[in-house]
Amino acid sequence: MYHALQPLLGVVLVGGVLGGLFGLLTLIFWVWMLIDAIKNPRLDGTQRVIWVLVIFFLPCLGSIIYYFAGRGK
């Protein structure tokens, strides 16, 4: 009975490891964008506050939007 579950166990373990790695990379990217928004000298005070709030409250989407739209300002 347990031999039939071994392939499924491998898929679950690989998926768990890849999911964990993706989550860790997402967290690192989020922190990087948050720090960049706080320290970006090209943003004035109001823009900085808005970007920090967007990144903080919309972590994945806000970080991606800031990466493409806000960093180069």
C-alpha atoms as a PDB file:
ATOM      1  CA  MET A   1       0.000   0.000   0.000  1.00  0.00           C
ATOM      2  CA  TYR A   2       2.735   2.496   0.863  1.00  0.00           C
ATOM      3  CA  HIS A   3       4.631   1.711  -2.336  1.00  0.00           C
ATOM      4  CA  ALA A   4       1.777   3.167  -4.353  1.00  0.00           C
ATOM      5  CA  LEU A   5       2.093   6.472  -2.468  1.00  0.00           C
ATOM      6  CA  GLN A   6       5.847   6.927  -2.993  1.00  0.00           C
ATOM      7  CA  PRO A   7       5.600   8.797  -6.336  1.00  0.00           C
ATOM      8  CA  LEU A   8       2.999  11.113  -4.837  1.00  0.00           C
ATOM      9  CA  LEU A   9       5.220  11.734  -1.835  1.00  0.00           C
ATOM     10  CA  GLY A  10       8.062  12.778  -4.165  1.00  0.00           C
ATOM     11  CA  VAL A  11       5.819  15.217  -6.003  1.00  0.00           C
ATOM     12  CA  VAL A  12       4.611  16.697  -2.722  1.00  0.00           C
ATOM     13  CA  LEU A  13       8.156  17.096  -1.405  1.00  0.00           C
ATOM     14  CA  VAL A  14       9.447  18.709  -4.611  1.00  0.00           C
ATOM     15  CA  GLY A  15       6.413  20.983  -4.761  1.00  0.00           C
ATOM     16  CA  GLY A  16       6.919  21.944  -1.137  1.00  0.00           C
ATOM     17  CA  VAL A  17      10.573  22.754  -1.671  1.00  0.00           C
ATOM     18  CA  LEU A  18       9.887  24.752  -4.833  1.00  0.00           C
ATOM     19  CA  GLY A  19       6.984  26.534  -3.178  1.00  0.00           C
ATOM     20  CA  GLY A  20       9.145  27.407  -0.199  1.00  0.00           C
ATOM     21  CA  LEU A  21      11.920  28.669  -2.465  1.00  0.00           C
ATOM     22  CA  PHE A  22       9.446  30.784  -4.443  1.00  0.00           C
ATOM     23  CA  GLY A  23       8.053  32.198  -1.200  1.00  0.00           C
ATOM     24  CA  LEU A  24      11.529  33.048   0.061  1.00  0.00           C
ATOM     25  CA  LEU A  25      12.466  34.755  -3.215  1.00  0.00           C
ATOM     26  CA  THR A  26       9.205  36.709  -3.143  1.00  0.00           C
ATOM     27  CA  LEU A  27       9.911  37.854   0.419  1.00  0.00           C
ATOM     28  CA  ILE A  28      13.457  38.928  -0.509  1.00  0.00           C
ATOM     29  CA  PHE A  29      12.148  40.856  -3.530  1.00  0.00           C
ATOM     30  CA  TRP A  30       9.472  42.528  -1.382  1.00  0.00           C
ATOM     31  CA  VAL A  31      11.992  43.639   1.259  1.00  0.00           C
ATOM     32  CA  TRP A  32      14.388  44.861  -1.465  1.00  0.00           C
ATOM     33  CA  MET A  33      11.673  46.989  -3.099  1.00  0.00           C
ATOM     34  CA  LEU A  34      10.491  48.335   0.277  1.00  0.00           C
ATOM     35  CA  ILE A  35      14.021  49.403   1.254  1.00  0.00           C
ATOM     36  CA  ASP A  36      14.604  50.859  -2.206  1.00  0.00           C
ATOM     37  CA  ALA A  37      11.418  52.916  -1.970  1.00  0.00           C
ATOM     38  CA  ILE A  38      12.433  54.219   1.460  1.00  0.00           C
ATOM     39  CA  LYS A  39      15.967  55.152   0.372  1.00  0.00           C
ATOM     40  CA  ASN A  40      15.287  56.312  -3.199  1.00  0.00           C
ATOM     41  CA  PRO A  41      16.597  59.915  -3.408  1.00  0.00           C
ATOM     42  CA  ARG A  42      14.630  60.580  -6.608  1.00  0.00           C
ATOM     43  CA  LEU A  43      11.319  60.365  -4.751  1.00  0.00           C
ATOM     44  CA  ASP A  44      10.019  63.313  -2.781  1.00  0.00           C
ATOM     45  CA  GLY A  45       8.364  62.814   0.610  1.00  0.00           C
ATOM     46  CA  THR A  46       4.810  62.290  -0.623  1.00  0.00           C
ATOM     47  CA  GLN A  47       5.822  59.897  -3.412  1.00  0.00           C
ATOM     48  CA  ARG A  48       7.948  57.919  -0.960  1.00  0.00           C
ATOM     49  CA  VAL A  49       5.075  57.517   1.500  1.00  0.00           C
ATOM     50  CA  ILE A  50       2.668  56.473  -1.256  1.00  0.00           C
ATOM     51  CA  TRP A  51       5.085  53.900  -2.701  1.00  0.00           C
ATOM     52  CA  VAL A  52       5.900  52.463   0.730  1.00  0.00           C
ATOM     53  CA  LEU A  53       2.192  52.088   1.498  1.00  0.00           C
ATOM     54  CA  VAL A  54       1.482  50.498  -1.894  1.00  0.00           C
ATOM     55  CA  ILE A  55       4.367  48.039  -1.498  1.00  0.00           C
ATOM     56  CA  PHE A  56       3.447  47.274   2.108  1.00  0.00           C
ATOM     57  CA  PHE A  57      -0.275  46.678   1.572  1.00  0.00           C
ATOM     58  CA  LEU A  58      -0.006  45.013  -1.875  1.00  0.00           C
ATOM     59  CA  PRO A  59       3.231  43.051  -1.391  1.00  0.00           C
ATOM     60  CA  CYS A  60       3.562  41.117  -4.662  1.00  0.00           C
ATOM     61  CA  LEU A  61       1.712  43.448  -6.995  1.00  0.00           C
ATOM     62  CA  GLY A  62       3.011  46.628  -5.371  1.00  0.00           C
ATOM     63  CA  SER A  63       6.616  45.421  -5.524  1.00  0.00           C
ATOM     64  CA  ILE A  64       6.340  44.523  -9.186  1.00  0.00           C
ATOM     65  CA  ILE A  65       4.673  47.835 -10.066  1.00  0.00           C
ATOM     66  CA  TYR A  66       7.319  49.781  -8.140  1.00  0.00           C
ATOM     67  CA  TYR A  67      10.125  47.819  -9.812  1.00  0.00           C
ATOM     68  CA  PHE A  68       8.941  48.777 -13.287  1.00  0.00           C
ATOM     69  CA  ALA A  69       7.352  52.192 -12.665  1.00  0.00           C
ATOM     70  CA  GLY A  70       8.725  53.774  -9.495  1.00  0.00           C
ATOM     71  CA  ARG A  71      12.425  53.010  -9.316  1.00  0.00           C
ATOM     72  CA  GLY A  72      13.431  55.007 -12.363  1.00  0.00           C
ATOM     73  CA  LYS A  73      11.607  58.159 -11.351  1.00  0.00           C
END
